[in-house]
Amino acid sequence: MDDFEAGQTLPPPALKPAATCGALPFLIRRDGTWLYRGSPIRRKPMVCLFASTLRRDAQGGYRLQTPVEQGTIEVEDAPFVATELEWHGCGRAQVLSFRTNVDQVICAGPEHPIRCAWDVPCDGCGTGPVPYLHIRDGDGAWPIEARIARAVYYELAALAVAGHHQGVPCLGVWSQNVFFPLSTMPDDGCA
């Protein structure tokens, strides 16, 4: 303590890296249901707690991580589902706000883009491409996303306007001055 002077603060203690537990018995289904040892977790506050510890590694894998331990989990598609949509404004100034199955509200825009395989050809005019909303960054290039529920996608389709993306005519939506393509322009074969 001889080197410590009045008014100085001590540096924080060095944190040990989280212990790795290997694979944990969690599965997140495509519909957003969280399972533990094959049984659904029915208490939403528990799901929200686990969701707050969710991370995505540089290889695209998912893990739950607390300050003391971490373990990998299985995710069928995206770990979250965007279940509600609210919007206000119009045109470029429109703001699209999504609520996820864990009650997070995310506004689509430059930091939270909507990703969609919008340029997939119309094969028999099926249900169309599945859009995803960027929730937060992962540890590498792979973000943590919410799959946009089909009913919410239909609401987006009702808001879609004609535009261009990478020189291709398409239908898409505006949010916070960013255009997000949802599908190619329908041709006469899909009418």
N, C-alpha and C. Protein backbone atom coordinates (compact mmCIF):
# COMPACT_ATOMS: atom_id res chain seq x y z
N MET A 1 0.81 -1.19 0.00
CA MET A 1 0.00 0.00 0.00
C MET A 1 0.85 1.26 0.00
N ASP A 2 2.17 1.11 0.05
CA ASP A 2 3.03 2.28 0.08
C ASP A 2 2.90 3.11 -1.19
N ASP A 3 2.64 2.46 -2.34
CA ASP A 3 2.55 3.17 -3.61
C ASP A 3 1.19 3.82 -3.83
N PHE A 4 0.22 3.51 -3.02
CA PHE A 4 -1.14 4.04 -3.19
C PHE A 4 -1.24 5.40 -2.53
N GLU A 5 -1.67 6.38 -3.29
CA GLU A 5 -1.81 7.73 -2.76
C GLU A 5 -3.28 8.06 -2.59
N ALA A 6 -3.56 8.95 -1.70
CA ALA A 6 -4.94 9.37 -1.47
C ALA A 6 -5.51 9.95 -2.75
N GLY A 7 -6.76 9.62 -3.03
CA GLY A 7 -7.43 10.15 -4.22
C GLY A 7 -7.29 9.25 -5.43
N GLN A 8 -6.38 8.29 -5.40
CA GLN A 8 -6.24 7.37 -6.53
C GLN A 8 -7.26 6.25 -6.40
N THR A 9 -7.63 5.71 -7.52
CA THR A 9 -8.51 4.54 -7.51
C THR A 9 -7.71 3.32 -7.87
N LEU A 10 -8.07 2.23 -7.27
CA LEU A 10 -7.39 0.97 -7.59
C LEU A 10 -7.88 0.44 -8.92
N PRO A 11 -7.01 -0.19 -9.69
CA PRO A 11 -7.48 -0.78 -10.95
C PRO A 11 -8.43 -1.93 -10.65
N PRO A 12 -9.37 -2.20 -11.58
CA PRO A 12 -10.28 -3.31 -11.34
C PRO A 12 -9.52 -4.63 -11.34
N PRO A 13 -9.99 -5.58 -10.54
CA PRO A 13 -9.31 -6.87 -10.53
C PRO A 13 -9.44 -7.54 -11.89
N ALA A 14 -8.42 -8.29 -12.26
CA ALA A 14 -8.45 -8.99 -13.54
C ALA A 14 -9.55 -10.05 -13.51
N LEU A 15 -10.38 -10.06 -14.55
CA LEU A 15 -11.46 -11.04 -14.62
C LEU A 15 -10.95 -12.31 -15.27
N LYS A 16 -11.33 -13.42 -14.70
CA LYS A 16 -10.98 -14.70 -15.31
C LYS A 16 -11.92 -14.95 -16.48
N PRO A 17 -11.43 -15.58 -17.54
CA PRO A 17 -12.35 -15.89 -18.64
C PRO A 17 -13.42 -16.87 -18.18
N ALA A 18 -14.59 -16.77 -18.80
CA ALA A 18 -15.70 -17.66 -18.45
C ALA A 18 -15.31 -19.11 -18.71
N ALA A 19 -15.63 -19.98 -17.77
CA ALA A 19 -15.36 -21.41 -17.92
C ALA A 19 -16.26 -21.98 -19.02
N THR A 20 -15.71 -22.82 -19.86
CA THR A 20 -16.47 -23.44 -20.94
C THR A 20 -17.09 -24.74 -20.45
N CYS A 21 -18.40 -24.84 -20.63
CA CYS A 21 -19.15 -26.02 -20.16
C CYS A 21 -19.46 -27.00 -21.28
N GLY A 22 -19.06 -26.70 -22.51
CA GLY A 22 -19.40 -27.57 -23.64
C GLY A 22 -20.83 -27.32 -24.10
N ALA A 23 -21.45 -28.34 -24.64
CA ALA A 23 -22.82 -28.22 -25.15
C ALA A 23 -23.82 -28.22 -23.99
N LEU A 24 -24.72 -27.23 -24.00
CA LEU A 24 -25.79 -27.16 -23.01
C LEU A 24 -27.06 -27.75 -23.62
N PRO A 25 -27.96 -28.31 -22.81
CA PRO A 25 -29.15 -28.98 -23.35
C PRO A 25 -30.29 -28.01 -23.72
N PHE A 26 -29.94 -26.96 -24.46
CA PHE A 26 -30.92 -25.98 -24.93
C PHE A 26 -31.09 -26.11 -26.44
N LEU A 27 -32.31 -25.88 -26.89
CA LEU A 27 -32.62 -25.81 -28.32
C LEU A 27 -33.62 -24.67 -28.50
N ILE A 28 -33.35 -23.81 -29.49
CA ILE A 28 -34.31 -22.77 -29.84
C ILE A 28 -34.90 -23.18 -31.18
N ARG A 29 -36.20 -23.45 -31.17
CA ARG A 29 -36.89 -23.87 -32.39
C ARG A 29 -37.09 -22.70 -33.34
N ARG A 30 -37.40 -23.02 -34.57
CA ARG A 30 -37.66 -22.04 -35.63
C ARG A 30 -38.78 -21.07 -35.24
N ASP A 31 -39.75 -21.53 -34.46
CA ASP A 31 -40.87 -20.67 -34.07
C ASP A 31 -40.57 -19.82 -32.83
N GLY A 32 -39.33 -19.88 -32.33
CA GLY A 32 -38.93 -19.07 -31.18
C GLY A 32 -39.10 -19.75 -29.84
N THR A 33 -39.58 -21.00 -29.82
CA THR A 33 -39.75 -21.73 -28.56
C THR A 33 -38.38 -22.18 -28.05
N TRP A 34 -38.13 -21.89 -26.80
CA TRP A 34 -36.89 -22.33 -26.15
C TRP A 34 -37.18 -23.64 -25.42
N LEU A 35 -36.34 -24.63 -25.66
CA LEU A 35 -36.46 -25.93 -24.99
C LEU A 35 -35.25 -26.15 -24.09
N TYR A 36 -35.49 -26.77 -22.94
CA TYR A 36 -34.41 -27.21 -22.06
C TYR A 36 -34.63 -28.69 -21.82
N ARG A 37 -33.67 -29.50 -22.22
CA ARG A 37 -33.77 -30.97 -22.13
C ARG A 37 -35.03 -31.48 -22.81
N GLY A 38 -35.40 -30.86 -23.93
CA GLY A 38 -36.54 -31.29 -24.72
C GLY A 38 -37.88 -30.74 -24.29
N SER A 39 -37.94 -30.03 -23.17
CA SER A 39 -39.21 -29.48 -22.68
C SER A 39 -39.24 -27.96 -22.88
N PRO A 40 -40.38 -27.43 -23.33
CA PRO A 40 -40.48 -25.98 -23.51
C PRO A 40 -40.31 -25.23 -22.19
N ILE A 41 -39.60 -24.11 -22.25
CA ILE A 41 -39.51 -23.21 -21.09
C ILE A 41 -40.72 -22.31 -21.18
N ARG A 42 -41.63 -22.46 -20.25
CA ARG A 42 -42.92 -21.76 -20.32
C ARG A 42 -42.92 -20.40 -19.61
N ARG A 43 -41.96 -20.18 -18.75
CA ARG A 43 -41.89 -18.90 -18.02
C ARG A 43 -41.14 -17.88 -18.87
N LYS A 44 -41.86 -16.91 -19.37
CA LYS A 44 -41.26 -15.90 -20.25
C LYS A 44 -40.09 -15.16 -19.59
N PRO A 45 -40.17 -14.80 -18.30
CA PRO A 45 -39.01 -14.13 -17.69
C PRO A 45 -37.73 -14.98 -17.76
N MET A 46 -37.87 -16.30 -17.67
CA MET A 46 -36.70 -17.18 -17.80
C MET A 46 -36.15 -17.13 -19.21
N VAL A 47 -37.03 -17.19 -20.20
CA VAL A 47 -36.59 -17.11 -21.60
C VAL A 47 -35.88 -15.78 -21.84
N CYS A 48 -36.45 -14.70 -21.32
CA CYS A 48 -35.84 -13.37 -21.49
C CYS A 48 -34.47 -13.31 -20.82
N LEU A 49 -34.34 -13.93 -19.65
CA LEU A 49 -33.05 -13.97 -18.96
C LEU A 49 -32.01 -14.73 -19.79
N PHE A 50 -32.38 -15.92 -20.27
CA PHE A 50 -31.45 -16.68 -21.10
C PHE A 50 -31.12 -15.91 -22.38
N ALA A 51 -32.12 -15.27 -22.98
CA ALA A 51 -31.90 -14.52 -24.22
C ALA A 51 -30.90 -13.39 -24.02
N SER A 52 -30.88 -12.81 -22.83
CA SER A 52 -29.95 -11.71 -22.57
C SER A 52 -28.50 -12.19 -22.52
N THR A 53 -28.29 -13.48 -22.33
CA THR A 53 -26.93 -14.02 -22.27
C THR A 53 -26.50 -14.66 -23.60
N LEU A 54 -27.36 -14.60 -24.60
CA LEU A 54 -27.09 -15.25 -25.88
C LEU A 54 -26.01 -14.49 -26.65
N ARG A 55 -25.04 -15.23 -27.16
CA ARG A 55 -23.96 -14.68 -27.97
C ARG A 55 -23.83 -15.53 -29.23
N ARG A 56 -23.17 -14.95 -30.24
CA ARG A 56 -22.90 -15.70 -31.47
C ARG A 56 -21.42 -15.58 -31.78
N ASP A 57 -20.77 -16.72 -31.98
CA ASP A 57 -19.32 -16.70 -32.18
C ASP A 57 -18.96 -16.39 -33.63
N ALA A 58 -17.68 -16.26 -33.89
CA ALA A 58 -17.18 -15.87 -35.21
C ALA A 58 -17.49 -16.91 -36.28
N GLN A 59 -17.76 -18.16 -35.89
CA GLN A 59 -18.09 -19.21 -36.85
C GLN A 59 -19.60 -19.32 -37.07
N GLY A 60 -20.39 -18.53 -36.38
CA GLY A 60 -21.85 -18.56 -36.55
C GLY A 60 -22.58 -19.39 -35.52
N GLY A 61 -21.86 -20.04 -34.62
CA GLY A 61 -22.50 -20.85 -33.58
C GLY A 61 -23.04 -19.98 -32.45
N TYR A 62 -23.97 -20.53 -31.69
CA TYR A 62 -24.60 -19.80 -30.59
C TYR A 62 -24.14 -20.35 -29.25
N ARG A 63 -24.10 -19.48 -28.26
CA ARG A 63 -23.76 -19.90 -26.90
C ARG A 63 -24.48 -19.00 -25.91
N LEU A 64 -24.69 -19.54 -24.73
CA LEU A 64 -25.14 -18.75 -23.59
C LEU A 64 -23.89 -18.44 -22.78
N GLN A 65 -23.73 -17.17 -22.40
CA GLN A 65 -22.50 -16.77 -21.71
C GLN A 65 -22.82 -15.83 -20.56
N THR A 66 -22.39 -16.25 -19.38
CA THR A 66 -22.46 -15.39 -18.21
C THR A 66 -21.02 -15.00 -17.86
N PRO A 67 -20.81 -14.13 -16.89
CA PRO A 67 -19.44 -13.79 -16.53
C PRO A 67 -18.61 -14.98 -16.03
N VAL A 68 -19.26 -16.04 -15.56
CA VAL A 68 -18.50 -17.16 -15.00
C VAL A 68 -18.48 -18.42 -15.85
N GLU A 69 -19.46 -18.61 -16.75
CA GLU A 69 -19.46 -19.82 -17.57
C GLU A 69 -20.16 -19.58 -18.89
N GLN A 70 -19.85 -20.45 -19.85
CA GLN A 70 -20.47 -20.38 -21.16
C GLN A 70 -20.59 -21.78 -21.75
N GLY A 71 -21.61 -21.96 -22.60
CA GLY A 71 -21.80 -23.24 -23.25
C GLY A 71 -22.57 -23.06 -24.54
N THR A 72 -22.32 -23.94 -25.49
CA THR A 72 -22.97 -23.85 -26.79
C THR A 72 -24.40 -24.36 -26.71
N ILE A 73 -25.25 -23.81 -27.59
CA ILE A 73 -26.64 -24.27 -27.69
C ILE A 73 -26.98 -24.44 -29.17
N GLU A 74 -28.07 -25.14 -29.42
CA GLU A 74 -28.52 -25.38 -30.79
C GLU A 74 -29.67 -24.42 -31.12
N VAL A 75 -29.61 -23.84 -32.32
CA VAL A 75 -30.65 -22.93 -32.80
C VAL A 75 -31.05 -23.41 -34.19
N GLU A 76 -32.35 -23.70 -34.39
CA GLU A 76 -32.81 -24.23 -35.68
C GLU A 76 -32.70 -23.21 -36.81
N ASP A 77 -33.03 -21.96 -36.55
CA ASP A 77 -32.99 -20.93 -37.59
C ASP A 77 -32.40 -19.66 -37.00
N ALA A 78 -33.24 -18.77 -36.52
CA ALA A 78 -32.81 -17.57 -35.81
C ALA A 78 -33.30 -17.70 -34.37
N PRO A 79 -32.57 -17.14 -33.40
CA PRO A 79 -32.98 -17.34 -32.02
C PRO A 79 -34.22 -16.55 -31.59
N PHE A 80 -34.58 -15.52 -32.36
CA PHE A 80 -35.73 -14.70 -31.99
C PHE A 80 -36.70 -14.63 -33.15
N VAL A 81 -37.93 -14.22 -32.84
CA VAL A 81 -38.97 -14.05 -33.86
C VAL A 81 -39.56 -12.65 -33.67
N ALA A 82 -39.63 -11.89 -34.76
CA ALA A 82 -40.30 -10.59 -34.73
C ALA A 82 -41.79 -10.86 -34.88
N THR A 83 -42.56 -10.61 -33.82
CA THR A 83 -43.96 -11.01 -33.77
C THR A 83 -44.95 -9.86 -33.97
N GLU A 84 -44.48 -8.63 -33.85
CA GLU A 84 -45.37 -7.47 -34.02
C GLU A 84 -44.64 -6.38 -34.79
N LEU A 85 -45.43 -5.57 -35.51
CA LEU A 85 -44.89 -4.44 -36.27
C LEU A 85 -45.74 -3.21 -36.00
N GLU A 86 -45.08 -2.11 -35.72
CA GLU A 86 -45.73 -0.80 -35.66
C GLU A 86 -44.92 0.12 -36.56
N TRP A 87 -45.61 1.04 -37.20
CA TRP A 87 -44.90 1.99 -38.05
C TRP A 87 -45.54 3.35 -37.93
N HIS A 88 -44.72 4.36 -38.19
CA HIS A 88 -45.24 5.71 -38.27
C HIS A 88 -44.43 6.46 -39.33
N GLY A 89 -45.02 7.51 -39.85
CA GLY A 89 -44.40 8.25 -40.93
C GLY A 89 -44.67 7.58 -42.26
N CYS A 90 -44.09 8.15 -43.30
CA CYS A 90 -44.24 7.56 -44.62
C CYS A 90 -43.01 7.89 -45.46
N GLY A 91 -42.88 7.16 -46.55
CA GLY A 91 -41.74 7.34 -47.44
C GLY A 91 -40.43 7.07 -46.72
N ARG A 92 -39.40 7.83 -47.09
CA ARG A 92 -38.08 7.63 -46.50
C ARG A 92 -38.06 7.87 -44.99
N ALA A 93 -38.97 8.70 -44.50
CA ALA A 93 -39.01 9.04 -43.07
C ALA A 93 -39.77 8.01 -42.24
N GLN A 94 -40.35 7.02 -42.89
CA GLN A 94 -41.09 5.97 -42.17
C GLN A 94 -40.16 5.27 -41.18
N VAL A 95 -40.69 4.89 -40.04
CA VAL A 95 -39.93 4.11 -39.05
C VAL A 95 -40.72 2.85 -38.76
N LEU A 96 -40.07 1.71 -38.93
CA LEU A 96 -40.66 0.40 -38.67
C LEU A 96 -40.11 -0.12 -37.34
N SER A 97 -40.99 -0.36 -36.39
CA SER A 97 -40.59 -0.88 -35.08
C SER A 97 -41.14 -2.29 -34.91
N PHE A 98 -40.27 -3.21 -34.55
CA PHE A 98 -40.63 -4.61 -34.38
C PHE A 98 -40.52 -4.99 -32.91
N ARG A 99 -41.44 -5.82 -32.44
CA ARG A 99 -41.35 -6.40 -31.10
C ARG A 99 -41.04 -7.88 -31.29
N THR A 100 -40.05 -8.36 -30.54
CA THR A 100 -39.67 -9.77 -30.64
C THR A 100 -40.43 -10.60 -29.61
N ASN A 101 -40.26 -11.90 -29.72
CA ASN A 101 -40.89 -12.83 -28.78
C ASN A 101 -40.32 -12.71 -27.37
N VAL A 102 -39.22 -11.97 -27.18
CA VAL A 102 -38.68 -11.72 -25.84
C VAL A 102 -38.86 -10.25 -25.47
N ASP A 103 -39.86 -9.60 -26.11
CA ASP A 103 -40.28 -8.24 -25.80
C ASP A 103 -39.21 -7.17 -26.02
N GLN A 104 -38.28 -7.42 -26.91
CA GLN A 104 -37.34 -6.39 -27.32
C GLN A 104 -37.99 -5.60 -28.45
N VAL A 105 -37.87 -4.29 -28.43
CA VAL A 105 -38.37 -3.46 -29.51
C VAL A 105 -37.17 -2.94 -30.28
N ILE A 106 -37.17 -3.22 -31.58
CA ILE A 106 -36.06 -2.86 -32.46
C ILE A 106 -36.62 -2.06 -33.62
N CYS A 107 -36.02 -0.91 -33.90
CA CYS A 107 -36.40 -0.10 -35.05
C CYS A 107 -35.46 -0.42 -36.21
N ALA A 108 -36.02 -0.88 -37.32
CA ALA A 108 -35.20 -1.17 -38.50
C ALA A 108 -34.56 0.11 -38.98
N GLY A 109 -33.33 0.00 -39.41
CA GLY A 109 -32.59 1.16 -39.90
C GLY A 109 -31.14 0.78 -40.15
N PRO A 110 -30.26 1.77 -40.21
CA PRO A 110 -28.86 1.49 -40.53
C PRO A 110 -28.19 0.52 -39.57
N GLU A 111 -28.53 0.59 -38.27
CA GLU A 111 -27.92 -0.30 -37.28
C GLU A 111 -28.66 -1.61 -37.12
N HIS A 112 -29.89 -1.67 -37.62
CA HIS A 112 -30.72 -2.88 -37.50
C HIS A 112 -31.39 -3.15 -38.85
N PRO A 113 -30.59 -3.61 -39.83
CA PRO A 113 -31.17 -3.83 -41.16
C PRO A 113 -32.08 -5.04 -41.23
N ILE A 114 -32.96 -5.00 -42.22
CA ILE A 114 -33.78 -6.15 -42.58
C ILE A 114 -33.05 -6.87 -43.70
N ARG A 115 -32.81 -8.16 -43.50
CA ARG A 115 -32.13 -8.98 -44.51
C ARG A 115 -33.15 -9.94 -45.09
N CYS A 116 -33.15 -10.04 -46.41
CA CYS A 116 -34.11 -10.91 -47.09
C CYS A 116 -33.47 -11.40 -48.38
N ALA A 117 -33.66 -12.66 -48.70
CA ALA A 117 -33.19 -13.18 -49.99
C ALA A 117 -34.19 -12.72 -51.05
N TRP A 118 -34.23 -11.41 -51.26
CA TRP A 118 -35.24 -10.77 -52.10
C TRP A 118 -35.09 -11.11 -53.57
N ASP A 119 -33.90 -11.51 -54.00
CA ASP A 119 -33.67 -11.76 -55.42
C ASP A 119 -33.84 -13.22 -55.82
N VAL A 120 -34.47 -14.02 -54.95
CA VAL A 120 -34.76 -15.42 -55.27
C VAL A 120 -35.84 -15.46 -56.33
N PRO A 121 -35.65 -16.25 -57.40
CA PRO A 121 -36.68 -16.31 -58.44
C PRO A 121 -38.01 -16.83 -57.90
N CYS A 122 -39.08 -16.43 -58.54
CA CYS A 122 -40.43 -16.84 -58.15
C CYS A 122 -40.69 -18.25 -58.67
N ASP A 123 -40.48 -19.24 -57.82
CA ASP A 123 -40.72 -20.64 -58.20
C ASP A 123 -42.15 -21.01 -57.85
N GLY A 124 -43.05 -20.84 -58.81
CA GLY A 124 -44.44 -21.20 -58.59
C GLY A 124 -45.15 -20.24 -57.64
N CYS A 125 -44.54 -19.07 -57.40
CA CYS A 125 -45.17 -18.05 -56.55
C CYS A 125 -45.55 -18.61 -55.19
N GLY A 126 -44.58 -19.25 -54.54
CA GLY A 126 -44.83 -19.82 -53.20
C GLY A 126 -44.94 -18.74 -52.16
N THR A 127 -44.52 -19.07 -50.95
CA THR A 127 -44.70 -18.15 -49.84
C THR A 127 -43.69 -17.01 -49.84
N GLY A 128 -42.66 -17.09 -50.66
CA GLY A 128 -41.70 -16.01 -50.76
C GLY A 128 -40.54 -16.17 -49.80
N PRO A 129 -39.58 -15.27 -49.92
CA PRO A 129 -38.39 -15.35 -49.08
C PRO A 129 -38.71 -14.99 -47.62
N VAL A 130 -37.87 -15.47 -46.73
CA VAL A 130 -38.04 -15.20 -45.30
C VAL A 130 -37.15 -14.01 -44.93
N PRO A 131 -37.73 -12.96 -44.38
CA PRO A 131 -36.91 -11.82 -43.94
C PRO A 131 -36.46 -11.98 -42.48
N TYR A 132 -35.32 -11.36 -42.19
CA TYR A 132 -34.73 -11.38 -40.84
C TYR A 132 -34.40 -9.96 -40.43
N LEU A 133 -34.46 -9.68 -39.15
CA LEU A 133 -34.12 -8.39 -38.59
C LEU A 133 -32.87 -8.52 -37.72
N HIS A 134 -31.90 -7.66 -37.97
CA HIS A 134 -30.67 -7.64 -37.18
C HIS A 134 -30.99 -7.14 -35.77
N ILE A 135 -30.72 -7.95 -34.76
CA ILE A 135 -30.99 -7.58 -33.38
C ILE A 135 -29.75 -6.96 -32.75
N ARG A 136 -28.63 -7.69 -32.82
CA ARG A 136 -27.36 -7.17 -32.32
C ARG A 136 -26.22 -7.91 -32.99
N ASP A 137 -25.05 -7.32 -32.90
CA ASP A 137 -23.87 -7.93 -33.51
C ASP A 137 -23.45 -9.17 -32.75
N GLY A 138 -22.82 -10.08 -33.48
CA GLY A 138 -22.18 -11.23 -32.87
C GLY A 138 -20.70 -10.92 -32.67
N ASP A 139 -19.91 -11.94 -32.35
CA ASP A 139 -18.49 -11.74 -32.13
C ASP A 139 -17.71 -11.63 -33.44
N GLY A 140 -18.32 -12.05 -34.55
CA GLY A 140 -17.67 -11.97 -35.85
C GLY A 140 -18.62 -11.34 -36.85
N ALA A 141 -18.63 -11.89 -38.05
CA ALA A 141 -19.48 -11.35 -39.11
C ALA A 141 -20.93 -11.78 -38.99
N TRP A 142 -21.23 -12.77 -38.16
CA TRP A 142 -22.58 -13.30 -38.04
C TRP A 142 -23.36 -12.56 -36.97
N PRO A 143 -24.46 -11.87 -37.33
CA PRO A 143 -25.25 -11.16 -36.32
C PRO A 143 -26.25 -12.09 -35.64
N ILE A 144 -26.82 -11.61 -34.56
CA ILE A 144 -27.94 -12.28 -33.91
C ILE A 144 -29.19 -11.65 -34.51
N GLU A 145 -30.08 -12.49 -35.05
CA GLU A 145 -31.23 -11.98 -35.80
C GLU A 145 -32.55 -12.52 -35.26
N ALA A 146 -33.62 -11.86 -35.69
CA ALA A 146 -34.98 -12.35 -35.45
C ALA A 146 -35.59 -12.68 -36.80
N ARG A 147 -36.18 -13.84 -36.89
CA ARG A 147 -36.94 -14.20 -38.08
C ARG A 147 -38.24 -13.40 -38.03
N ILE A 148 -38.59 -12.74 -39.12
CA ILE A 148 -39.82 -11.96 -39.15
C ILE A 148 -40.97 -12.93 -39.43
N ALA A 149 -41.91 -13.00 -38.48
CA ALA A 149 -43.04 -13.93 -38.57
C ALA A 149 -43.83 -13.67 -39.85
N ARG A 150 -44.45 -14.70 -40.38
CA ARG A 150 -45.16 -14.61 -41.65
C ARG A 150 -46.25 -13.53 -41.60
N ALA A 151 -47.00 -13.43 -40.52
CA ALA A 151 -48.04 -12.40 -40.42
C ALA A 151 -47.44 -11.00 -40.46
N VAL A 152 -46.29 -10.82 -39.83
CA VAL A 152 -45.60 -9.52 -39.85
C VAL A 152 -45.06 -9.25 -41.25
N TYR A 153 -44.59 -10.29 -41.92
CA TYR A 153 -44.11 -10.13 -43.30
C TYR A 153 -45.24 -9.64 -44.21
N TYR A 154 -46.44 -10.15 -44.00
CA TYR A 154 -47.58 -9.68 -44.80
C TYR A 154 -47.87 -8.21 -44.53
N GLU A 155 -47.69 -7.77 -43.28
CA GLU A 155 -47.85 -6.35 -42.98
C GLU A 155 -46.78 -5.53 -43.70
N LEU A 156 -45.55 -6.04 -43.74
CA LEU A 156 -44.49 -5.35 -44.47
C LEU A 156 -44.82 -5.28 -45.96
N ALA A 157 -45.35 -6.39 -46.50
CA ALA A 157 -45.70 -6.42 -47.92
C ALA A 157 -46.75 -5.36 -48.23
N ALA A 158 -47.67 -5.12 -47.30
CA ALA A 158 -48.69 -4.09 -47.51
C ALA A 158 -48.07 -2.69 -47.53
N LEU A 159 -46.93 -2.52 -46.90
CA LEU A 159 -46.24 -1.23 -46.87
C LEU A 159 -45.21 -1.08 -48.00
N ALA A 160 -44.99 -2.15 -48.75
CA ALA A 160 -43.93 -2.16 -49.76
C ALA A 160 -44.22 -1.17 -50.89
N VAL A 161 -43.13 -0.59 -51.37
CA VAL A 161 -43.19 0.33 -52.50
C VAL A 161 -42.15 -0.12 -53.52
N ALA A 162 -42.35 0.33 -54.73
CA ALA A 162 -41.39 0.01 -55.79
C ALA A 162 -40.09 0.78 -55.57
N GLY A 163 -39.00 0.13 -55.87
CA GLY A 163 -37.69 0.76 -55.75
C GLY A 163 -36.66 -0.02 -56.54
N HIS A 164 -35.42 0.31 -56.34
CA HIS A 164 -34.31 -0.39 -56.98
C HIS A 164 -33.26 -0.71 -55.94
N HIS A 165 -32.66 -1.88 -56.08
CA HIS A 165 -31.55 -2.27 -55.22
C HIS A 165 -30.51 -2.93 -56.10
N GLN A 166 -29.30 -2.41 -56.08
CA GLN A 166 -28.22 -2.91 -56.92
C GLN A 166 -28.64 -2.92 -58.38
N GLY A 167 -29.41 -1.90 -58.78
CA GLY A 167 -29.83 -1.76 -60.17
C GLY A 167 -30.98 -2.65 -60.59
N VAL A 168 -31.56 -3.40 -59.66
CA VAL A 168 -32.64 -4.32 -59.98
C VAL A 168 -33.95 -3.76 -59.43
N PRO A 169 -35.01 -3.70 -60.27
CA PRO A 169 -36.29 -3.25 -59.74
C PRO A 169 -36.84 -4.25 -58.72
N CYS A 170 -37.34 -3.72 -57.61
CA CYS A 170 -37.84 -4.60 -56.57
C CYS A 170 -38.91 -3.87 -55.75
N LEU A 171 -39.53 -4.64 -54.85
CA LEU A 171 -40.44 -4.08 -53.87
C LEU A 171 -39.73 -4.11 -52.52
N GLY A 172 -39.91 -3.06 -51.75
CA GLY A 172 -39.26 -3.01 -50.45
C GLY A 172 -39.92 -2.00 -49.55
N VAL A 173 -39.33 -1.83 -48.39
CA VAL A 173 -39.86 -0.89 -47.40
C VAL A 173 -38.76 0.07 -46.96
N TRP A 174 -39.20 1.26 -46.57
CA TRP A 174 -38.30 2.27 -46.03
C TRP A 174 -38.39 2.26 -44.51
N SER A 175 -37.27 2.47 -43.84
CA SER A 175 -37.26 2.71 -42.41
C SER A 175 -36.00 3.50 -42.07
N GLN A 176 -36.18 4.62 -41.42
CA GLN A 176 -35.08 5.49 -41.02
C GLN A 176 -34.17 5.83 -42.21
N ASN A 177 -34.80 6.16 -43.33
CA ASN A 177 -34.09 6.62 -44.53
C ASN A 177 -33.26 5.53 -45.22
N VAL A 178 -33.57 4.25 -44.93
CA VAL A 178 -32.89 3.13 -45.58
C VAL A 178 -33.95 2.28 -46.29
N PHE A 179 -33.66 1.90 -47.54
CA PHE A 179 -34.58 1.05 -48.31
C PHE A 179 -34.15 -0.40 -48.15
N PHE A 180 -35.10 -1.26 -47.76
CA PHE A 180 -34.84 -2.69 -47.59
C PHE A 180 -35.64 -3.48 -48.61
N PRO A 181 -34.96 -4.10 -49.60
CA PRO A 181 -35.68 -4.87 -50.61
C PRO A 181 -36.28 -6.14 -50.02
N LEU A 182 -37.52 -6.44 -50.41
CA LEU A 182 -38.19 -7.64 -49.94
C LEU A 182 -38.37 -8.69 -51.02
N SER A 183 -38.57 -8.24 -52.27
CA SER A 183 -38.75 -9.20 -53.37
C SER A 183 -38.53 -8.49 -54.69
N THR A 184 -38.26 -9.29 -55.71
CA THR A 184 -38.16 -8.72 -57.04
C THR A 184 -39.56 -8.27 -57.46
N MET A 185 -39.60 -7.39 -58.45
CA MET A 185 -40.89 -6.93 -58.95
C MET A 185 -41.61 -8.12 -59.56
N PRO A 186 -42.89 -8.31 -59.24
CA PRO A 186 -43.61 -9.43 -59.83
C PRO A 186 -43.76 -9.22 -61.34
N ASP A 187 -43.60 -10.32 -62.08
CA ASP A 187 -43.84 -10.23 -63.52
C ASP A 187 -45.20 -10.85 -63.82
N ASP A 188 -45.56 -10.85 -65.07
CA ASP A 188 -46.89 -11.33 -65.46
C ASP A 188 -47.09 -12.81 -65.13
N GLY A 189 -46.00 -13.58 -65.02
CA GLY A 189 -46.13 -15.01 -64.74
C GLY A 189 -46.56 -15.34 -63.32
N CYS A 190 -46.47 -14.35 -62.42
CA CYS A 190 -46.79 -14.60 -61.01
C CYS A 190 -48.04 -13.86 -60.59
N ALA A 191 -48.78 -13.32 -61.52
CA ALA A 191 -49.95 -12.54 -61.15
C ALA A 191 -51.13 -13.42 -60.84
